[in-house]
Amino acid sequence: MVSFGQPEGYDAHARPRPLGVRVGPRTAAAAACLVLGLGLIGGAATGSWLTGDSGGSGADGGFAAAGGLWHSLPVDQLFPPTVEGRGAGPGGADRTWTRIAVAPDGGCAHAFDPLLGRTLAPLGCRRLLRATYTDATESYVTTVGLLFTKADAATMTALRARFDTEHLAERTDLVPRTYAPKGTVAAGFGDHQRASWTISVLTDAPVVVYAVSGWADGRTVDTPQPAAEALRAGATSAVAQAGLGHEAQGLADRVERALRRHVDPATEQPS
């Protein structure tokens, strides 16, 4: 707390003296300004300490804070047990996804195909979190992942630009791997069952968000289709018509929004 003293408690050199001794108006005014200035400085320092702001910009602080959310947030806030997707299905239908299981958090070894692993390597791997969901009918399964990186904002931005210019998010040799917990409807959800996917390199947080979907009956897919392509009007592939692009994109979007609510409420987008 910052306490404001009475102006008459200081002499002309801002030294404390016994109260009750009269001072001139000029001296009193100078002392009052000094105390007020100290109070404002102290208040600002206290506010900075309470918020953890070391003097950097809000954007820098939010970016740094986001990198630690993997261990500071309960899993139910990162991967809610139930995710509602209003208008997220084909034709604007509502979707509901139920979480099957959450993988133990860990590193990135064997979590990505080799080429995708090399593509993401410049970011570094701080922690990888994954969960697998199924739709209300248990016809589809989707793994969603949050890769918390060691990269700074410039590195994240550079890789995001590369993904955009080289269309890396659409390459079928850069599909994320699944998480297939045993004893669940996703037990047969392996590499050959990957049907559609999306991957997004964030620039306002050191995080890569991805999702990969497939059929729950374990059927194989010869050529997976990126979600962006499967969502296009008139897409006629089995993947597109089944709505598996909607499964991957819709779930990834909502997990990303849940993350953003804890990074910077101002960045949250409506569902």
C-alpha atoms as a PDB file:
ATOM      1  CA  MET A   1       0.000   0.000   0.000  1.00  0.00           C
ATOM      2  CA  VAL A   2       1.079   3.566  -0.684  1.00  0.00           C
ATOM      3  CA  SER A   3       0.196   6.110   2.023  1.00  0.00           C
ATOM      4  CA  PHE A   4       0.011   9.803   1.222  1.00  0.00           C
ATOM      5  CA  GLY A   5       1.557  11.968   3.973  1.00  0.00           C
ATOM      6  CA  GLN A   6       0.359  15.429   4.961  1.00  0.00           C
ATOM      7  CA  PRO A   7       2.310  18.212   3.233  1.00  0.00           C
ATOM      8  CA  GLU A   8       3.103  19.920   6.506  1.00  0.00           C
ATOM      9  CA  GLY A   9       5.048  16.800   7.594  1.00  0.00           C
ATOM     10  CA  TYR A  10       8.038  17.752   5.397  1.00  0.00           C
ATOM     11  CA  ASP A  11      10.442  20.681   5.349  1.00  0.00           C
ATOM     12  CA  ALA A  12      11.686  22.558   2.286  1.00  0.00           C
ATOM     13  CA  HIS A  13      14.059  19.669   1.441  1.00  0.00           C
ATOM     14  CA  ALA A  14      11.349  17.003   1.787  1.00  0.00           C
ATOM     15  CA  ARG A  15      12.799  15.877   5.115  1.00  0.00           C
ATOM     16  CA  PRO A  16      10.304  14.692   7.729  1.00  0.00           C
ATOM     17  CA  ARG A  17       9.794  17.002  10.707  1.00  0.00           C
ATOM     18  CA  PRO A  18       7.358  17.028  13.614  1.00  0.00           C
ATOM     19  CA  LEU A  19       3.781  17.715  12.603  1.00  0.00           C
ATOM     20  CA  GLY A  20       2.223  20.905  13.766  1.00  0.00           C
ATOM     21  CA  VAL A  21       5.144  23.147  12.752  1.00  0.00           C
ATOM     22  CA  ARG A  22       3.959  25.678  10.208  1.00  0.00           C
ATOM     23  CA  VAL A  23       5.534  25.884   6.795  1.00  0.00           C
ATOM     24  CA  GLY A  24       5.092  28.331   3.986  1.00  0.00           C
ATOM     25  CA  PRO A  25       2.616  27.612   1.198  1.00  0.00           C
ATOM     26  CA  ARG A  26       5.403  27.190  -1.374  1.00  0.00           C
ATOM     27  CA  THR A  27       7.110  24.554   0.765  1.00  0.00           C
ATOM     28  CA  ALA A  28       3.852  22.725   1.382  1.00  0.00           C
ATOM     29  CA  ALA A  29       3.042  22.602  -2.325  1.00  0.00           C
ATOM     30  CA  ALA A  30       6.487  21.230  -3.197  1.00  0.00           C
ATOM     31  CA  ALA A  31       6.214  18.545  -0.567  1.00  0.00           C
ATOM     32  CA  ALA A  32       2.760  17.542  -1.758  1.00  0.00           C
ATOM     33  CA  CYS A  33       4.017  17.111  -5.325  1.00  0.00           C
ATOM     34  CA  LEU A  34       6.894  14.957  -4.106  1.00  0.00           C
ATOM     35  CA  VAL A  35       4.663  12.635  -2.112  1.00  0.00           C
ATOM     36  CA  LEU A  36       2.136  12.362  -4.931  1.00  0.00           C
ATOM     37  CA  GLY A  37       4.884  11.492  -7.408  1.00  0.00           C
ATOM     38  CA  LEU A  38       6.294   8.821  -5.133  1.00  0.00           C
ATOM     39  CA  GLY A  39       2.808   7.420  -4.670  1.00  0.00           C
ATOM     40  CA  LEU A  40       2.211   7.168  -8.396  1.00  0.00           C
ATOM     41  CA  ILE A  41       5.577   5.492  -8.960  1.00  0.00           C
ATOM     42  CA  GLY A  42       4.962   3.058  -6.135  1.00  0.00           C
ATOM     43  CA  GLY A  43       1.473   2.293  -7.387  1.00  0.00           C
ATOM     44  CA  ALA A  44       2.720   1.612 -10.871  1.00  0.00           C
ATOM     45  CA  ALA A  45       5.428  -0.695  -9.557  1.00  0.00           C
ATOM     46  CA  THR A  46       2.932  -2.542  -7.377  1.00  0.00           C
ATOM     47  CA  GLY A  47       0.569  -2.992 -10.311  1.00  0.00           C
ATOM     48  CA  SER A  48       3.381  -4.320 -12.480  1.00  0.00           C
ATOM     49  CA  TRP A  49       4.364  -6.799  -9.791  1.00  0.00           C
ATOM     50  CA  LEU A  50       0.820  -8.044  -9.303  1.00  0.00           C
ATOM     51  CA  THR A  51       0.280  -8.627 -13.018  1.00  0.00           C
ATOM     52  CA  GLY A  52       3.712 -10.069 -13.677  1.00  0.00           C
ATOM     53  CA  ASP A  53       4.432  -7.351 -16.253  1.00  0.00           C
ATOM     54  CA  SER A  54       8.133  -6.658 -16.435  1.00  0.00           C
ATOM     55  CA  GLY A  55       7.658  -3.575 -18.550  1.00  0.00           C
ATOM     56  CA  GLY A  56       7.339  -5.270 -21.940  1.00  0.00           C
ATOM     57  CA  SER A  57       4.418  -4.827 -24.274  1.00  0.00           C
ATOM     58  CA  GLY A  58       1.136  -6.594 -23.630  1.00  0.00           C
ATOM     59  CA  ALA A  59       1.615  -8.680 -26.772  1.00  0.00           C
ATOM     60  CA  ASP A  60       5.054  -9.865 -25.631  1.00  0.00           C
ATOM     61  CA  GLY A  61       3.729 -10.686 -22.176  1.00  0.00           C
ATOM     62  CA  GLY A  62       0.800 -12.641 -23.581  1.00  0.00           C
ATOM     63  CA  PHE A  63       3.061 -14.602 -25.942  1.00  0.00           C
ATOM     64  CA  ALA A  64       5.425 -15.570 -23.122  1.00  0.00           C
ATOM     65  CA  ALA A  65       2.571 -16.474 -20.764  1.00  0.00           C
ATOM     66  CA  ALA A  66       0.974 -18.730 -23.371  1.00  0.00           C
ATOM     67  CA  GLY A  67       4.067 -20.914 -23.434  1.00  0.00           C
ATOM     68  CA  GLY A  68       3.428 -22.023 -19.849  1.00  0.00           C
ATOM     69  CA  LEU A  69      -0.272 -22.841 -20.141  1.00  0.00           C
ATOM     70  CA  TRP A  70       0.443 -26.530 -20.689  1.00  0.00           C
ATOM     71  CA  HIS A  71       1.245 -26.969 -16.978  1.00  0.00           C
ATOM     72  CA  SER A  72      -0.780 -24.146 -15.424  1.00  0.00           C
ATOM     73  CA  LEU A  73      -4.225 -25.010 -16.817  1.00  0.00           C
ATOM     74  CA  PRO A  74      -6.314 -28.062 -15.907  1.00  0.00           C
ATOM     75  CA  VAL A  75      -6.686 -30.495 -18.780  1.00  0.00           C
ATOM     76  CA  ASP A  76     -10.453 -29.935 -18.836  1.00  0.00           C
ATOM     77  CA  GLN A  77      -9.853 -26.317 -19.826  1.00  0.00           C
ATOM     78  CA  LEU A  78      -7.495 -27.206 -22.661  1.00  0.00           C
ATOM     79  CA  PHE A  79      -9.462 -30.260 -23.800  1.00  0.00           C
ATOM     80  CA  PRO A  80     -13.028 -29.985 -22.463  1.00  0.00           C
ATOM     81  CA  PRO A  81     -14.846 -33.296 -21.853  1.00  0.00           C
ATOM     82  CA  THR A  82     -17.566 -32.133 -24.245  1.00  0.00           C
ATOM     83  CA  VAL A  83     -17.144 -29.649 -27.070  1.00  0.00           C
ATOM     84  CA  GLU A  84     -20.133 -28.017 -28.717  1.00  0.00           C
ATOM     85  CA  GLY A  85     -19.757 -26.936 -32.322  1.00  0.00           C
ATOM     86  CA  ARG A  86     -22.657 -24.777 -33.391  1.00  0.00           C
ATOM     87  CA  GLY A  87     -22.837 -24.773 -37.154  1.00  0.00           C
ATOM     88  CA  ALA A  88     -19.594 -26.749 -37.399  1.00  0.00           C
ATOM     89  CA  GLY A  89     -20.972 -29.678 -39.395  1.00  0.00           C
ATOM     90  CA  PRO A  90     -21.852 -30.072 -43.066  1.00  0.00           C
ATOM     91  CA  GLY A  91     -24.528 -27.625 -44.140  1.00  0.00           C
ATOM     92  CA  GLY A  92     -24.138 -25.667 -40.933  1.00  0.00           C
ATOM     93  CA  ALA A  93     -25.338 -28.535 -38.742  1.00  0.00           C
ATOM     94  CA  ASP A  94     -24.445 -28.463 -35.065  1.00  0.00           C
ATOM     95  CA  ARG A  95     -21.849 -30.904 -33.809  1.00  0.00           C
ATOM     96  CA  THR A  96     -21.035 -32.323 -30.394  1.00  0.00           C
ATOM     97  CA  TRP A  97     -17.742 -34.034 -29.626  1.00  0.00           C
ATOM     98  CA  THR A  98     -17.061 -36.154 -26.551  1.00  0.00           C
ATOM     99  CA  ARG A  99     -13.555 -36.688 -25.275  1.00  0.00           C
ATOM    100  CA  ILE A 100     -12.466 -40.336 -25.264  1.00  0.00           C
ATOM    101  CA  ALA A 101      -9.048 -40.000 -23.667  1.00  0.00           C
ATOM    102  CA  VAL A 102      -6.161 -37.624 -23.060  1.00  0.00           C
ATOM    103  CA  ALA A 103      -2.613 -38.721 -23.809  1.00  0.00           C
ATOM    104  CA  PRO A 104       0.011 -38.223 -21.104  1.00  0.00           C
ATOM    105  CA  ASP A 105       1.844 -34.985 -21.831  1.00  0.00           C
ATOM    106  CA  GLY A 106       5.332 -35.495 -23.141  1.00  0.00           C
ATOM    107  CA  GLY A 107       7.809 -34.758 -25.871  1.00  0.00           C
ATOM    108  CA  CYS A 108       7.456 -34.976 -29.635  1.00  0.00           C
ATOM    109  CA  ALA A 109       9.384 -38.185 -30.301  1.00  0.00           C
ATOM    110  CA  HIS A 110       7.365 -40.414 -32.669  1.00  0.00           C
ATOM    111  CA  ALA A 111       4.402 -38.002 -32.486  1.00  0.00           C
ATOM    112  CA  PHE A 112       4.798 -36.845 -36.102  1.00  0.00           C
ATOM    113  CA  ASP A 113       5.737 -38.428 -39.394  1.00  0.00           C
ATOM    114  CA  PRO A 114       9.462 -37.822 -40.016  1.00  0.00           C
ATOM    115  CA  LEU A 115       9.000 -35.089 -42.623  1.00  0.00           C
ATOM    116  CA  LEU A 116       6.505 -33.153 -40.507  1.00  0.00           C
ATOM    117  CA  GLY A 117       8.801 -33.579 -37.521  1.00  0.00           C
ATOM    118  CA  ARG A 118      11.669 -32.022 -39.467  1.00  0.00           C
ATOM    119  CA  THR A 119       9.423 -29.194 -40.652  1.00  0.00           C
ATOM    120  CA  LEU A 120       8.434 -28.322 -37.079  1.00  0.00           C
ATOM    121  CA  ALA A 121      11.917 -28.892 -35.627  1.00  0.00           C
ATOM    122  CA  PRO A 122      13.025 -25.208 -35.831  1.00  0.00           C
ATOM    123  CA  LEU A 123      10.325 -24.382 -33.275  1.00  0.00           C
ATOM    124  CA  GLY A 124      11.616 -26.767 -30.637  1.00  0.00           C
ATOM    125  CA  CYS A 125       9.327 -28.993 -28.590  1.00  0.00           C
ATOM    126  CA  ARG A 126       8.499 -27.909 -25.054  1.00  0.00           C
ATOM    127  CA  ARG A 127       5.462 -30.144 -24.531  1.00  0.00           C
ATOM    128  CA  LEU A 128       2.934 -31.975 -26.673  1.00  0.00           C
ATOM    129  CA  LEU A 129      -0.632 -32.407 -25.444  1.00  0.00           C
ATOM    130  CA  ARG A 130      -3.163 -34.587 -27.279  1.00  0.00           C
ATOM    131  CA  ALA A 131      -6.703 -35.798 -26.835  1.00  0.00           C
ATOM    132  CA  THR A 132      -9.010 -37.908 -28.975  1.00  0.00           C
ATOM    133  CA  TYR A 133     -12.723 -37.223 -29.405  1.00  0.00           C
ATOM    134  CA  THR A 134     -15.664 -38.935 -31.058  1.00  0.00           C
ATOM    135  CA  ASP A 135     -18.860 -37.454 -32.456  1.00  0.00           C
ATOM    136  CA  ALA A 136     -22.312 -37.995 -30.947  1.00  0.00           C
ATOM    137  CA  THR A 137     -22.947 -41.079 -33.112  1.00  0.00           C
ATOM    138  CA  GLU A 138     -19.457 -42.536 -32.539  1.00  0.00           C
ATOM    139  CA  SER A 139     -19.040 -42.742 -36.316  1.00  0.00           C
ATOM    140  CA  TYR A 140     -15.901 -40.597 -36.423  1.00  0.00           C
ATOM    141  CA  VAL A 141     -12.843 -40.080 -34.266  1.00  0.00           C
ATOM    142  CA  THR A 142     -10.564 -37.045 -34.148  1.00  0.00           C
ATOM    143  CA  THR A 143      -7.242 -36.442 -32.443  1.00  0.00           C
ATOM    144  CA  VAL A 144      -6.504 -32.825 -31.575  1.00  0.00           C
ATOM    145  CA  GLY A 145      -3.058 -31.681 -30.487  1.00  0.00           C
ATOM    146  CA  LEU A 146      -1.396 -28.649 -28.913  1.00  0.00           C
ATOM    147  CA  LEU A 147       2.338 -28.457 -29.534  1.00  0.00           C
ATOM    148  CA  PHE A 148       3.881 -25.956 -27.106  1.00  0.00           C
ATOM    149  CA  THR A 149       7.137 -24.837 -28.689  1.00  0.00           C
ATOM    150  CA  LYS A 150      10.326 -23.147 -27.475  1.00  0.00           C
ATOM    151  CA  ALA A 151      10.236 -20.597 -30.304  1.00  0.00           C
ATOM    152  CA  ASP A 152       9.992 -16.832 -30.072  1.00  0.00           C
ATOM    153  CA  ALA A 153       7.438 -14.774 -31.970  1.00  0.00           C
ATOM    154  CA  ALA A 154       9.747 -14.155 -34.928  1.00  0.00           C
ATOM    155  CA  THR A 155      10.387 -17.862 -35.425  1.00  0.00           C
ATOM    156  CA  MET A 156       6.688 -18.710 -35.180  1.00  0.00           C
ATOM    157  CA  THR A 157       5.876 -15.988 -37.702  1.00  0.00           C
ATOM    158  CA  ALA A 158       8.548 -17.209 -40.105  1.00  0.00           C
ATOM    159  CA  LEU A 159       7.258 -20.784 -40.072  1.00  0.00           C
ATOM    160  CA  ARG A 160       3.677 -19.581 -40.420  1.00  0.00           C
ATOM    161  CA  ALA A 161       4.720 -17.641 -43.522  1.00  0.00           C
ATOM    162  CA  ARG A 162       6.393 -20.747 -44.911  1.00  0.00           C
ATOM    163  CA  PHE A 163       3.249 -22.808 -44.307  1.00  0.00           C
ATOM    164  CA  ASP A 164       1.213 -20.186 -46.158  1.00  0.00           C
ATOM    165  CA  THR A 165       3.519 -19.624 -49.140  1.00  0.00           C
ATOM    166  CA  GLU A 166       4.424 -23.293 -49.666  1.00  0.00           C
ATOM    167  CA  HIS A 167       0.927 -24.617 -48.814  1.00  0.00           C
ATOM    168  CA  LEU A 168       2.444 -27.029 -46.313  1.00  0.00           C
ATOM    169  CA  ALA A 169      -0.866 -27.519 -44.513  1.00  0.00           C
ATOM    170  CA  GLU A 170      -2.231 -29.202 -47.648  1.00  0.00           C
ATOM    171  CA  ARG A 171       0.578 -31.707 -48.264  1.00  0.00           C
ATOM    172  CA  THR A 172      -0.392 -35.334 -47.705  1.00  0.00           C
ATOM    173  CA  ASP A 173       3.130 -36.144 -46.510  1.00  0.00           C
ATOM    174  CA  LEU A 174       2.747 -33.679 -43.607  1.00  0.00           C
ATOM    175  CA  VAL A 175      -0.254 -35.197 -41.836  1.00  0.00           C
ATOM    176  CA  PRO A 176      -0.105 -35.342 -38.011  1.00  0.00           C
ATOM    177  CA  ARG A 177      -0.300 -38.727 -36.336  1.00  0.00           C
ATOM    178  CA  THR A 178      -3.232 -39.938 -34.279  1.00  0.00           C
ATOM    179  CA  TYR A 179      -3.649 -40.856 -30.628  1.00  0.00           C
ATOM    180  CA  ALA A 180      -5.482 -44.208 -30.482  1.00  0.00           C
ATOM    181  CA  PRO A 181      -6.195 -45.234 -26.876  1.00  0.00           C
ATOM    182  CA  LYS A 182      -6.782 -48.944 -26.417  1.00  0.00           C
ATOM    183  CA  GLY A 183     -10.211 -50.173 -25.375  1.00  0.00           C
ATOM    184  CA  THR A 184     -12.021 -47.232 -26.996  1.00  0.00           C
ATOM    185  CA  VAL A 185     -13.791 -46.612 -30.300  1.00  0.00           C
ATOM    186  CA  ALA A 186     -10.538 -45.011 -31.469  1.00  0.00           C
ATOM    187  CA  ALA A 187      -8.403 -48.113 -30.823  1.00  0.00           C
ATOM    188  CA  GLY A 188      -8.064 -48.779 -34.568  1.00  0.00           C
ATOM    189  CA  PHE A 189      -7.319 -45.142 -35.474  1.00  0.00           C
ATOM    190  CA  GLY A 190      -3.798 -45.418 -36.858  1.00  0.00           C
ATOM    191  CA  ASP A 191      -1.665 -43.962 -39.629  1.00  0.00           C
ATOM    192  CA  HIS A 192      -3.637 -45.657 -42.421  1.00  0.00           C
ATOM    193  CA  GLN A 193      -6.953 -44.444 -41.027  1.00  0.00           C
ATOM    194  CA  ARG A 194      -6.128 -40.743 -41.252  1.00  0.00           C
ATOM    195  CA  ALA A 195      -8.741 -39.161 -43.514  1.00  0.00           C
ATOM    196  CA  SER A 196      -8.603 -35.378 -43.022  1.00  0.00           C
ATOM    197  CA  TRP A 197      -6.517 -32.931 -41.060  1.00  0.00           C
ATOM    198  CA  THR A 198      -5.704 -29.326 -40.313  1.00  0.00           C
ATOM    199  CA  ILE A 199      -2.610 -27.727 -38.825  1.00  0.00           C
ATOM    200  CA  SER A 200      -2.133 -24.121 -37.741  1.00  0.00           C
ATOM    201  CA  VAL A 201       1.052 -22.359 -36.612  1.00  0.00           C
ATOM    202  CA  LEU A 202       0.007 -19.542 -34.281  1.00  0.00           C
ATOM    203  CA  THR A 203       1.878 -16.245 -34.286  1.00  0.00           C
ATOM    204  CA  ASP A 204       0.513 -14.750 -31.045  1.00  0.00           C
ATOM    205  CA  ALA A 205       1.446 -17.798 -28.947  1.00  0.00           C
ATOM    206  CA  PRO A 206       4.248 -20.388 -29.162  1.00  0.00           C
ATOM    207  CA  VAL A 207       1.752 -23.105 -30.060  1.00  0.00           C
ATOM    208  CA  VAL A 208       0.915 -25.280 -33.064  1.00  0.00           C
ATOM    209  CA  VAL A 209      -2.704 -26.516 -33.138  1.00  0.00           C
ATOM    210  CA  TYR A 210      -3.681 -29.507 -35.225  1.00  0.00           C
ATOM    211  CA  ALA A 211      -6.390 -32.101 -35.634  1.00  0.00           C
ATOM    212  CA  VAL A 212      -6.693 -35.290 -37.675  1.00  0.00           C
ATOM    213  CA  SER A 213      -9.915 -37.246 -38.223  1.00  0.00           C
ATOM    214  CA  GLY A 214     -11.042 -40.621 -39.526  1.00  0.00           C
ATOM    215  CA  TRP A 215     -13.805 -43.213 -39.395  1.00  0.00           C
ATOM    216  CA  ALA A 216     -14.349 -45.010 -36.101  1.00  0.00           C
ATOM    217  CA  ASP A 217     -14.711 -48.408 -37.791  1.00  0.00           C
ATOM    218  CA  GLY A 218     -11.008 -48.484 -38.665  1.00  0.00           C
ATOM    219  CA  ARG A 219     -11.385 -48.319 -42.443  1.00  0.00           C
ATOM    220  CA  THR A 220      -8.276 -47.333 -44.315  1.00  0.00           C
ATOM    221  CA  VAL A 221      -7.923 -44.207 -46.425  1.00  0.00           C
ATOM    222  CA  ASP A 222      -5.708 -44.253 -49.494  1.00  0.00           C
ATOM    223  CA  THR A 223      -5.341 -40.471 -49.818  1.00  0.00           C
ATOM    224  CA  PRO A 224      -6.214 -38.174 -46.908  1.00  0.00           C
ATOM    225  CA  GLN A 225      -7.708 -34.819 -47.794  1.00  0.00           C
ATOM    226  CA  PRO A 226      -6.833 -31.535 -46.054  1.00  0.00           C
ATOM    227  CA  ALA A 227      -9.773 -30.064 -44.187  1.00  0.00           C
ATOM    228  CA  ALA A 228      -9.679 -26.839 -46.184  1.00  0.00           C
ATOM    229  CA  GLU A 229     -10.144 -28.818 -49.399  1.00  0.00           C
ATOM    230  CA  ALA A 230     -12.802 -31.115 -47.961  1.00  0.00           C
ATOM    231  CA  LEU A 231     -14.800 -28.078 -46.829  1.00  0.00           C
ATOM    232  CA  ARG A 232     -14.989 -26.512 -50.271  1.00  0.00           C
ATOM    233  CA  ALA A 233     -18.399 -26.287 -51.877  1.00  0.00           C
ATOM    234  CA  GLY A 234     -18.926 -29.088 -54.344  1.00  0.00           C
ATOM    235  CA  ALA A 235     -16.253 -31.396 -52.910  1.00  0.00           C
ATOM    236  CA  THR A 236     -17.291 -34.929 -53.846  1.00  0.00           C
ATOM    237  CA  SER A 237     -14.697 -37.183 -52.197  1.00  0.00           C
ATOM    238  CA  ALA A 238     -15.851 -39.726 -49.633  1.00  0.00           C
ATOM    239  CA  VAL A 239     -13.912 -37.815 -46.990  1.00  0.00           C
ATOM    240  CA  ALA A 240     -15.648 -34.550 -47.853  1.00  0.00           C
ATOM    241  CA  GLN A 241     -19.133 -36.013 -48.110  1.00  0.00           C
ATOM    242  CA  ALA A 242     -18.731 -37.815 -44.790  1.00  0.00           C
ATOM    243  CA  GLY A 243     -17.924 -34.475 -43.160  1.00  0.00           C
ATOM    244  CA  LEU A 244     -14.506 -35.535 -41.887  1.00  0.00           C
ATOM    245  CA  GLY A 245     -13.030 -32.188 -42.897  1.00  0.00           C
ATOM    246  CA  HIS A 246     -15.649 -30.550 -40.681  1.00  0.00           C
ATOM    247  CA  GLU A 247     -14.683 -32.890 -37.839  1.00  0.00           C
ATOM    248  CA  ALA A 248     -11.011 -31.924 -37.971  1.00  0.00           C
ATOM    249  CA  GLN A 249     -11.461 -28.212 -38.627  1.00  0.00           C
ATOM    250  CA  GLY A 250     -14.360 -27.706 -36.223  1.00  0.00           C
ATOM    251  CA  LEU A 251     -12.669 -29.387 -33.285  1.00  0.00           C
ATOM    252  CA  ALA A 252      -9.316 -27.716 -33.905  1.00  0.00           C
ATOM    253  CA  ASP A 253     -10.979 -24.293 -34.088  1.00  0.00           C
ATOM    254  CA  ARG A 254     -12.748 -24.733 -30.770  1.00  0.00           C
ATOM    255  CA  VAL A 255      -9.722 -26.074 -28.913  1.00  0.00           C
ATOM    256  CA  GLU A 256      -7.739 -23.120 -30.259  1.00  0.00           C
ATOM    257  CA  ARG A 257     -10.432 -20.716 -29.025  1.00  0.00           C
ATOM    258  CA  ALA A 258     -10.361 -22.338 -25.586  1.00  0.00           C
ATOM    259  CA  LEU A 259      -6.600 -21.769 -25.515  1.00  0.00           C
ATOM    260  CA  ARG A 260      -6.923 -18.151 -26.629  1.00  0.00           C
ATOM    261  CA  ARG A 261      -9.350 -17.362 -23.813  1.00  0.00           C
ATOM    262  CA  HIS A 262      -6.454 -17.902 -21.423  1.00  0.00           C
ATOM    263  CA  VAL A 263      -3.886 -16.049 -23.519  1.00  0.00           C
ATOM    264  CA  ASP A 264      -5.751 -12.828 -24.267  1.00  0.00           C
ATOM    265  CA  PRO A 265      -9.527 -12.489 -23.909  1.00  0.00           C
ATOM    266  CA  ALA A 266      -9.489  -9.779 -26.585  1.00  0.00           C
ATOM    267  CA  THR A 267      -8.466 -12.334 -29.230  1.00  0.00           C
ATOM    268  CA  GLU A 268     -11.400 -14.659 -28.601  1.00  0.00           C
ATOM    269  CA  GLN A 269     -13.731 -15.110 -31.565  1.00  0.00           C
ATOM    270  CA  PRO A 270     -17.414 -16.016 -31.292  1.00  0.00           C
ATOM    271  CA  SER A 271     -18.434 -19.603 -31.990  1.00  0.00           C
END
